[in-house]
Amino acid sequence: MKKATINTIVNYINDNAVEALYEVRDELTAELNKGAEAKAQSDALYEAAKAVVMAELGNTPVTIGELYEAVEADLPEGFTKGKLQYAVTRLWKDEIVRTEGKVNTYAKA
């Protein structure tokens, strides 16, 4: 079921004050918020790592491997090389210059 559908049902229950459906509303609301805490933790992890990575990343292009080696000790626990690559290539791509090659390199924008 899509979130929009669940939201529509919850809003209908709220607007029409259907007593018997309040239990259903609570269950649907819980389903909507199920991943919110995990997402908040993930967002905080990436935000903490961003400060470390951006402080290290300079104007000299480096590979993801080189960058990870340089910041690994200072990254939050659980922040892997794969997460670094995802963040650099997706989340922070507007703040980083990518130079394509046999192995892509990255530098501050």
N, C-alpha and C. Protein backbone atom coordinates (compact mmCIF):
# COMPACT_ATOMS: atom_id res chain seq x y z
N MET A 1 0.85 -1.17 0.00
CA MET A 1 0.00 0.00 0.00
C MET A 1 0.90 1.24 0.00
N LYS A 2 0.53 2.21 -0.80
CA LYS A 2 1.32 3.44 -0.90
C LYS A 2 1.04 4.35 0.30
N LYS A 3 2.04 5.16 0.63
CA LYS A 3 1.89 6.10 1.75
C LYS A 3 0.74 7.07 1.51
N ALA A 4 0.56 7.49 0.28
CA ALA A 4 -0.52 8.42 -0.04
C ALA A 4 -1.88 7.79 0.28
N THR A 5 -2.02 6.51 0.00
CA THR A 5 -3.27 5.81 0.30
C THR A 5 -3.50 5.74 1.80
N ILE A 6 -2.45 5.42 2.53
CA ILE A 6 -2.56 5.34 3.99
C ILE A 6 -2.92 6.72 4.54
N ASN A 7 -2.27 7.76 4.05
CA ASN A 7 -2.58 9.12 4.50
C ASN A 7 -4.03 9.49 4.22
N THR A 8 -4.54 9.11 3.08
CA THR A 8 -5.93 9.39 2.73
C THR A 8 -6.88 8.71 3.70
N ILE A 9 -6.61 7.46 4.02
CA ILE A 9 -7.45 6.71 4.96
C ILE A 9 -7.40 7.35 6.34
N VAL A 10 -6.22 7.69 6.81
CA VAL A 10 -6.07 8.31 8.13
C VAL A 10 -6.81 9.64 8.17
N ASN A 11 -6.68 10.44 7.13
CA ASN A 11 -7.38 11.73 7.09
C ASN A 11 -8.90 11.54 7.07
N TYR A 12 -9.38 10.55 6.35
CA TYR A 12 -10.83 10.27 6.31
C TYR A 12 -11.34 9.90 7.70
N ILE A 13 -10.59 9.04 8.37
CA ILE A 13 -10.99 8.62 9.72
C ILE A 13 -11.02 9.82 10.65
N ASN A 14 -10.01 10.67 10.58
CA ASN A 14 -9.95 11.86 11.43
C ASN A 14 -11.09 12.83 11.14
N ASP A 15 -11.34 13.08 9.88
CA ASP A 15 -12.35 14.06 9.48
C ASP A 15 -13.78 13.62 9.76
N ASN A 16 -14.01 12.32 9.74
CA ASN A 16 -15.38 11.82 9.90
C ASN A 16 -15.65 11.23 11.28
N ALA A 17 -14.70 11.30 12.16
CA ALA A 17 -14.85 10.85 13.55
C ALA A 17 -15.55 9.49 13.66
N VAL A 18 -15.05 8.52 12.94
CA VAL A 18 -15.61 7.17 12.98
C VAL A 18 -14.93 6.42 14.13
N GLU A 19 -15.64 6.28 15.25
CA GLU A 19 -15.07 5.71 16.47
C GLU A 19 -14.43 4.34 16.25
N ALA A 20 -15.09 3.46 15.57
CA ALA A 20 -14.58 2.10 15.40
C ALA A 20 -13.29 2.06 14.59
N LEU A 21 -13.02 3.11 13.84
CA LEU A 21 -11.85 3.10 12.98
C LEU A 21 -10.62 3.77 13.61
N TYR A 22 -10.76 4.30 14.81
CA TYR A 22 -9.60 4.94 15.45
C TYR A 22 -8.47 3.94 15.67
N GLU A 23 -8.80 2.73 15.97
CA GLU A 23 -7.77 1.70 16.15
C GLU A 23 -7.04 1.46 14.83
N VAL A 24 -7.80 1.40 13.74
CA VAL A 24 -7.20 1.24 12.42
C VAL A 24 -6.31 2.44 12.10
N ARG A 25 -6.80 3.63 12.44
CA ARG A 25 -6.01 4.84 12.21
C ARG A 25 -4.68 4.76 12.93
N ASP A 26 -4.70 4.32 14.18
CA ASP A 26 -3.46 4.23 14.96
C ASP A 26 -2.48 3.25 14.33
N GLU A 27 -3.00 2.14 13.85
CA GLU A 27 -2.14 1.14 13.20
C GLU A 27 -1.56 1.69 11.89
N LEU A 28 -2.39 2.38 11.12
CA LEU A 28 -1.91 2.97 9.87
C LEU A 28 -0.88 4.06 10.13
N THR A 29 -1.11 4.86 11.15
CA THR A 29 -0.15 5.91 11.51
C THR A 29 1.18 5.30 11.94
N ALA A 30 1.12 4.22 12.71
CA ALA A 30 2.35 3.53 13.11
C ALA A 30 3.09 2.99 11.89
N GLU A 31 2.35 2.49 10.92
CA GLU A 31 2.97 1.97 9.70
C GLU A 31 3.65 3.10 8.91
N LEU A 32 3.01 4.25 8.85
CA LEU A 32 3.59 5.40 8.16
C LEU A 32 4.90 5.86 8.80
N ASN A 33 4.97 5.80 10.12
CA ASN A 33 6.13 6.30 10.85
C ASN A 33 7.17 5.24 11.14
N LYS A 34 6.97 4.04 10.63
CA LYS A 34 7.84 2.91 10.95
C LYS A 34 9.32 3.19 10.65
N GLY A 35 9.62 3.77 9.51
CA GLY A 35 11.01 3.98 9.14
C GLY A 35 11.56 5.34 9.52
N ALA A 36 10.76 6.17 10.16
CA ALA A 36 11.19 7.54 10.46
C ALA A 36 12.40 7.59 11.39
N GLU A 37 12.40 6.75 12.41
CA GLU A 37 13.52 6.77 13.36
C GLU A 37 14.80 6.28 12.70
N ALA A 38 14.72 5.22 11.91
CA ALA A 38 15.90 4.71 11.22
C ALA A 38 16.43 5.74 10.24
N LYS A 39 15.54 6.43 9.54
CA LYS A 39 15.96 7.47 8.60
C LYS A 39 16.64 8.62 9.33
N ALA A 40 16.11 9.00 10.46
CA ALA A 40 16.71 10.09 11.24
C ALA A 40 18.12 9.71 11.69
N GLN A 41 18.31 8.47 12.11
CA GLN A 41 19.64 8.01 12.52
C GLN A 41 20.60 8.00 11.34
N SER A 42 20.11 7.53 10.19
CA SER A 42 20.94 7.50 8.99
C SER A 42 21.32 8.91 8.56
N ASP A 43 20.36 9.82 8.58
CA ASP A 43 20.64 11.22 8.22
C ASP A 43 21.69 11.83 9.14
N ALA A 44 21.60 11.54 10.43
CA ALA A 44 22.57 12.07 11.41
C ALA A 44 23.97 11.49 11.14
N LEU A 45 24.03 10.21 10.77
CA LEU A 45 25.31 9.56 10.47
C LEU A 45 25.97 10.24 9.27
N TYR A 46 25.21 10.46 8.21
CA TYR A 46 25.76 11.11 7.02
C TYR A 46 26.16 12.56 7.30
N GLU A 47 25.38 13.25 8.11
CA GLU A 47 25.70 14.64 8.44
C GLU A 47 27.01 14.73 9.24
N ALA A 48 27.19 13.81 10.18
CA ALA A 48 28.43 13.79 10.97
C ALA A 48 29.63 13.47 10.08
N ALA A 49 29.44 12.55 9.16
CA ALA A 49 30.53 12.16 8.26
C ALA A 49 30.87 13.29 7.28
N LYS A 50 29.87 14.04 6.88
CA LYS A 50 30.08 15.12 5.91
C LYS A 50 31.10 16.14 6.41
N ALA A 51 31.00 16.50 7.66
CA ALA A 51 31.94 17.47 8.23
C ALA A 51 33.37 16.95 8.14
N VAL A 52 33.56 15.70 8.44
CA VAL A 52 34.90 15.08 8.41
C VAL A 52 35.42 15.03 6.98
N VAL A 53 34.57 14.57 6.06
CA VAL A 53 34.98 14.40 4.66
C VAL A 53 35.29 15.75 4.02
N MET A 54 34.43 16.72 4.22
CA MET A 54 34.65 18.02 3.59
C MET A 54 35.88 18.73 4.15
N ALA A 55 36.18 18.49 5.41
CA ALA A 55 37.39 19.08 6.00
C ALA A 55 38.65 18.48 5.37
N GLU A 56 38.58 17.22 4.98
CA GLU A 56 39.74 16.53 4.39
C GLU A 56 39.85 16.78 2.89
N LEU A 57 38.71 16.84 2.23
CA LEU A 57 38.70 16.96 0.78
C LEU A 57 39.21 18.34 0.37
N GLY A 58 40.18 18.35 -0.49
CA GLY A 58 40.76 19.62 -0.93
C GLY A 58 40.58 19.82 -2.41
N ASN A 59 41.44 20.66 -2.98
CA ASN A 59 41.37 20.95 -4.41
C ASN A 59 42.10 19.91 -5.26
N THR A 60 42.93 19.08 -4.62
CA THR A 60 43.63 18.02 -5.33
C THR A 60 42.71 16.81 -5.43
N PRO A 61 42.39 16.37 -6.65
CA PRO A 61 41.47 15.24 -6.82
C PRO A 61 42.03 13.95 -6.20
N VAL A 62 41.14 13.22 -5.52
CA VAL A 62 41.49 11.94 -4.92
C VAL A 62 40.41 10.92 -5.25
N THR A 63 40.77 9.66 -5.18
CA THR A 63 39.80 8.60 -5.40
C THR A 63 39.01 8.37 -4.11
N ILE A 64 37.93 7.65 -4.22
CA ILE A 64 37.15 7.31 -3.03
C ILE A 64 38.01 6.51 -2.06
N GLY A 65 38.81 5.59 -2.57
CA GLY A 65 39.68 4.79 -1.72
C GLY A 65 40.68 5.63 -0.95
N GLU A 66 41.30 6.58 -1.64
CA GLU A 66 42.26 7.47 -0.99
C GLU A 66 41.58 8.34 0.05
N LEU A 67 40.42 8.84 -0.29
CA LEU A 67 39.68 9.69 0.64
C LEU A 67 39.27 8.89 1.88
N TYR A 68 38.81 7.68 1.66
CA TYR A 68 38.38 6.85 2.79
C TYR A 68 39.56 6.54 3.72
N GLU A 69 40.69 6.22 3.14
CA GLU A 69 41.89 5.95 3.96
C GLU A 69 42.26 7.16 4.81
N ALA A 70 42.11 8.34 4.25
CA ALA A 70 42.48 9.57 4.95
C ALA A 70 41.54 9.91 6.10
N VAL A 71 40.27 9.54 5.98
CA VAL A 71 39.28 9.95 6.99
C VAL A 71 38.71 8.81 7.82
N GLU A 72 39.09 7.60 7.49
CA GLU A 72 38.49 6.41 8.14
C GLU A 72 38.49 6.49 9.66
N ALA A 73 39.59 6.91 10.25
CA ALA A 73 39.70 6.94 11.71
C ALA A 73 38.77 7.99 12.34
N ASP A 74 38.42 9.02 11.59
CA ASP A 74 37.60 10.10 12.13
C ASP A 74 36.11 9.98 11.81
N LEU A 75 35.76 9.02 10.97
CA LEU A 75 34.36 8.85 10.59
C LEU A 75 33.56 8.22 11.72
N PRO A 76 32.26 8.48 11.76
CA PRO A 76 31.41 7.85 12.79
C PRO A 76 31.43 6.33 12.63
N GLU A 77 31.22 5.64 13.72
CA GLU A 77 31.19 4.18 13.70
C GLU A 77 30.10 3.70 12.75
N GLY A 78 30.45 2.74 11.90
CA GLY A 78 29.49 2.19 10.96
C GLY A 78 29.47 2.88 9.61
N PHE A 79 30.28 3.92 9.44
CA PHE A 79 30.32 4.63 8.16
C PHE A 79 31.37 3.96 7.29
N THR A 80 30.91 3.17 6.34
CA THR A 80 31.78 2.34 5.51
C THR A 80 32.24 3.08 4.26
N LYS A 81 33.15 2.44 3.54
CA LYS A 81 33.62 2.99 2.27
C LYS A 81 32.46 3.08 1.28
N GLY A 82 31.57 2.12 1.29
CA GLY A 82 30.40 2.15 0.41
C GLY A 82 29.49 3.32 0.71
N LYS A 83 29.32 3.63 1.99
CA LYS A 83 28.50 4.78 2.38
C LYS A 83 29.18 6.07 1.94
N LEU A 84 30.49 6.11 2.04
CA LEU A 84 31.23 7.29 1.58
C LEU A 84 31.03 7.49 0.09
N GLN A 85 31.14 6.42 -0.67
CA GLN A 85 30.95 6.52 -2.12
C GLN A 85 29.53 6.99 -2.45
N TYR A 86 28.54 6.44 -1.77
CA TYR A 86 27.15 6.87 -1.99
C TYR A 86 26.99 8.36 -1.68
N ALA A 87 27.54 8.79 -0.56
CA ALA A 87 27.40 10.19 -0.15
C ALA A 87 28.08 11.13 -1.14
N VAL A 88 29.28 10.79 -1.55
CA VAL A 88 30.04 11.65 -2.46
C VAL A 88 29.38 11.70 -3.84
N THR A 89 28.88 10.57 -4.32
CA THR A 89 28.33 10.53 -5.67
C THR A 89 26.85 10.89 -5.75
N ARG A 90 26.14 10.86 -4.62
CA ARG A 90 24.70 11.14 -4.66
C ARG A 90 24.29 12.31 -3.76
N LEU A 91 24.62 12.21 -2.48
CA LEU A 91 24.13 13.18 -1.50
C LEU A 91 24.84 14.53 -1.60
N TRP A 92 26.14 14.51 -1.78
CA TRP A 92 26.93 15.73 -1.75
C TRP A 92 27.45 16.12 -3.13
N LYS A 93 26.89 15.57 -4.17
CA LYS A 93 27.44 15.76 -5.53
C LYS A 93 27.48 17.22 -5.97
N ASP A 94 26.62 18.06 -5.42
CA ASP A 94 26.63 19.48 -5.79
C ASP A 94 27.78 20.25 -5.16
N GLU A 95 28.41 19.66 -4.15
CA GLU A 95 29.49 20.33 -3.44
C GLU A 95 30.86 19.76 -3.80
N ILE A 96 30.85 18.76 -4.69
CA ILE A 96 32.08 18.05 -5.03
C ILE A 96 32.22 18.00 -6.55
N VAL A 97 33.45 18.18 -7.04
CA VAL A 97 33.73 18.10 -8.46
C VAL A 97 34.21 16.68 -8.77
N ARG A 98 33.55 16.06 -9.72
CA ARG A 98 33.91 14.69 -10.13
C ARG A 98 34.69 14.78 -11.44
N THR A 99 35.86 14.15 -11.47
CA THR A 99 36.67 14.06 -12.68
C THR A 99 36.63 12.61 -13.14
N GLU A 100 36.04 12.40 -14.31
CA GLU A 100 35.90 11.03 -14.80
C GLU A 100 37.20 10.55 -15.41
N GLY A 101 37.46 9.28 -15.22
CA GLY A 101 38.64 8.64 -15.75
C GLY A 101 38.50 7.15 -15.55
N LYS A 102 39.59 6.45 -15.74
CA LYS A 102 39.56 5.00 -15.48
C LYS A 102 39.08 4.77 -14.07
N VAL A 103 39.57 5.59 -13.16
CA VAL A 103 39.07 5.66 -11.78
C VAL A 103 38.68 7.11 -11.56
N ASN A 104 37.42 7.33 -11.21
CA ASN A 104 36.95 8.69 -10.97
C ASN A 104 37.64 9.30 -9.76
N THR A 105 37.88 10.60 -9.83
CA THR A 105 38.46 11.31 -8.70
C THR A 105 37.52 12.45 -8.30
N TYR A 106 37.71 12.92 -7.07
CA TYR A 106 36.80 13.91 -6.50
C TYR A 106 37.60 14.97 -5.77
N ALA A 107 37.10 16.21 -5.85
CA ALA A 107 37.71 17.34 -5.16
C ALA A 107 36.59 18.30 -4.75
N LYS A 108 36.93 19.26 -3.89
CA LYS A 108 35.95 20.26 -3.49
C LYS A 108 35.56 21.11 -4.69
N ALA A 109 34.32 21.51 -4.70
CA ALA A 109 33.83 22.36 -5.79
C ALA A 109 34.33 23.79 -5.60
